[in-house]
């Protein structure tokens, strides 16, 4: 038998994720991602200013010029300028 074809002994086998560890990881993830779901939080005016142009970009298919209520929103730079 060649070195690459040998069977690993029990001591040499890598240990996988145990079922109880996997369950703990899933529960932690569900808890972390589920916090805040179902809350009655509504978008504030500030957040709506960013959501509306993105919504109109999707609706019109124009990905270059952001628009708010159909009007070009060009007074802000496209990228943050320190």
C-alpha atoms as a PDB file:
ATOM      1  CA  UNK A   1       0.000   0.000   0.000  1.00  0.00           C
ATOM      2  CA  UNK A   2       1.285   3.454  -0.865  1.00  0.00           C
ATOM      3  CA  UNK A   3       1.510   6.233   1.709  1.00  0.00           C
ATOM      4  CA  UNK A   4      -1.392   8.142   0.098  1.00  0.00           C
ATOM      5  CA  UNK A   5      -3.664   5.087   0.149  1.00  0.00           C
ATOM      6  CA  UNK A   6      -3.271   4.128   3.792  1.00  0.00           C
ATOM      7  CA  UNK A   7      -6.281   4.130   6.095  1.00  0.00           C
ATOM      8  CA  UNK A   8      -6.176   6.553   8.994  1.00  0.00           C
ATOM      9  CA  UNK A   9      -6.176   5.081  12.458  1.00  0.00           C
ATOM     10  CA  UNK A  10      -8.765   6.236  14.983  1.00  0.00           C
ATOM     11  CA  UNK A  11      -6.152   8.430  16.690  1.00  0.00           C
ATOM     12  CA  UNK A  12      -5.284  10.151  13.398  1.00  0.00           C
ATOM     13  CA  UNK A  13      -8.823  10.903  12.218  1.00  0.00           C
ATOM     14  CA  UNK A  14      -9.868  14.533  12.505  1.00  0.00           C
ATOM     15  CA  UNK A  15     -12.658  15.007  14.969  1.00  0.00           C
ATOM     16  CA  UNK A  16     -15.774  16.582  13.478  1.00  0.00           C
ATOM     17  CA  UNK A  17     -18.366  18.783  15.058  1.00  0.00           C
ATOM     18  CA  UNK A  18     -20.233  16.865  17.740  1.00  0.00           C
ATOM     19  CA  UNK A  19     -24.050  16.907  17.549  1.00  0.00           C
ATOM     20  CA  UNK A  20     -24.408  18.765  20.853  1.00  0.00           C
ATOM     21  CA  UNK A  21     -21.919  21.421  19.656  1.00  0.00           C
ATOM     22  CA  UNK A  22     -23.819  21.796  16.381  1.00  0.00           C
ATOM     23  CA  UNK A  23     -27.093  22.210  18.267  1.00  0.00           C
ATOM     24  CA  UNK A  24     -25.564  24.845  20.544  1.00  0.00           C
ATOM     25  CA  UNK A  25     -24.211  26.703  17.504  1.00  0.00           C
ATOM     26  CA  UNK A  26     -27.614  26.652  15.775  1.00  0.00           C
ATOM     27  CA  UNK A  27     -29.419  27.816  18.909  1.00  0.00           C
ATOM     28  CA  UNK A  28     -26.930  30.646  19.371  1.00  0.00           C
ATOM     29  CA  UNK A  29     -27.350  31.711  15.747  1.00  0.00           C
ATOM     30  CA  UNK A  30     -31.144  31.616  15.909  1.00  0.00           C
ATOM     31  CA  UNK A  31     -31.105  33.613  19.136  1.00  0.00           C
ATOM     32  CA  UNK A  32     -28.687  36.189  17.758  1.00  0.00           C
ATOM     33  CA  UNK A  33     -30.508  36.621  14.441  1.00  0.00           C
ATOM     34  CA  UNK A  34     -33.971  36.452  16.003  1.00  0.00           C
ATOM     35  CA  UNK A  35     -33.494  39.270  18.484  1.00  0.00           C
ATOM     36  CA  UNK A  36     -35.687  42.205  17.537  1.00  0.00           C
ATOM     37  CA  UNK A  37     -37.876  40.306  15.096  1.00  0.00           C
ATOM     38  CA  UNK A  38     -41.516  41.109  15.634  1.00  0.00           C
ATOM     39  CA  UNK A  39     -40.839  44.500  17.132  1.00  0.00           C
ATOM     40  CA  UNK A  40     -43.113  47.307  16.026  1.00  0.00           C
ATOM     41  CA  UNK A  41     -40.263  49.567  14.904  1.00  0.00           C
ATOM     42  CA  UNK A  42     -41.080  51.745  11.901  1.00  0.00           C
ATOM     43  CA  UNK A  43     -38.664  53.521   9.573  1.00  0.00           C
ATOM     44  CA  UNK A  44     -37.842  57.012  10.694  1.00  0.00           C
ATOM     45  CA  UNK A  45     -37.804  59.945   8.290  1.00  0.00           C
ATOM     46  CA  UNK A  46     -34.016  59.753   8.002  1.00  0.00           C
ATOM     47  CA  UNK A  47     -34.062  56.059   7.047  1.00  0.00           C
ATOM     48  CA  UNK A  48     -36.844  56.638   4.525  1.00  0.00           C
ATOM     49  CA  UNK A  49     -34.624  59.167   2.739  1.00  0.00           C
ATOM     50  CA  UNK A  50     -32.243  56.326   1.912  1.00  0.00           C
ATOM     51  CA  UNK A  51     -34.884  53.675   1.225  1.00  0.00           C
ATOM     52  CA  UNK A  52     -36.973  55.642  -1.277  1.00  0.00           C
ATOM     53  CA  UNK A  53     -34.229  56.232  -3.902  1.00  0.00           C
ATOM     54  CA  UNK A  54     -33.236  52.567  -3.691  1.00  0.00           C
ATOM     55  CA  UNK A  55     -36.871  51.544  -4.162  1.00  0.00           C
ATOM     56  CA  UNK A  56     -37.216  53.808  -7.202  1.00  0.00           C
ATOM     57  CA  UNK A  57     -33.973  52.444  -8.682  1.00  0.00           C
ATOM     58  CA  UNK A  58     -35.423  48.947  -8.546  1.00  0.00           C
ATOM     59  CA  UNK A  59     -38.772  50.048  -9.978  1.00  0.00           C
ATOM     60  CA  UNK A  60     -37.350  52.085 -12.904  1.00  0.00           C
ATOM     61  CA  UNK A  61     -34.223  50.040 -13.612  1.00  0.00           C
ATOM     62  CA  UNK A  62     -32.118  53.234 -13.675  1.00  0.00           C
ATOM     63  CA  UNK A  63     -29.162  52.306 -11.464  1.00  0.00           C
ATOM     64  CA  UNK A  64     -27.054  55.421 -12.183  1.00  0.00           C
ATOM     65  CA  UNK A  65     -29.203  58.357 -11.062  1.00  0.00           C
ATOM     66  CA  UNK A  66     -30.991  58.087  -7.714  1.00  0.00           C
ATOM     67  CA  UNK A  67     -34.448  59.659  -7.739  1.00  0.00           C
ATOM     68  CA  UNK A  68     -36.851  60.710  -5.017  1.00  0.00           C
ATOM     69  CA  UNK A  69     -40.480  61.062  -6.090  1.00  0.00           C
ATOM     70  CA  UNK A  70     -39.319  61.008  -9.712  1.00  0.00           C
ATOM     71  CA  UNK A  71     -36.877  63.921  -9.326  1.00  0.00           C
ATOM     72  CA  UNK A  72     -33.111  63.332  -9.710  1.00  0.00           C
ATOM     73  CA  UNK A  73     -31.386  63.376  -6.338  1.00  0.00           C
ATOM     74  CA  UNK A  74     -27.964  64.731  -7.364  1.00  0.00           C
ATOM     75  CA  UNK A  75     -27.165  67.100  -4.494  1.00  0.00           C
ATOM     76  CA  UNK A  76     -25.294  64.398  -2.535  1.00  0.00           C
ATOM     77  CA  UNK A  77     -22.040  62.823  -3.725  1.00  0.00           C
ATOM     78  CA  UNK A  78     -22.313  59.163  -4.718  1.00  0.00           C
ATOM     79  CA  UNK A  79     -19.471  58.152  -2.360  1.00  0.00           C
ATOM     80  CA  UNK A  80     -18.552  59.496   1.072  1.00  0.00           C
ATOM     81  CA  UNK A  81     -15.919  62.218   0.902  1.00  0.00           C
ATOM     82  CA  UNK A  82     -14.120  62.149   4.240  1.00  0.00           C
END
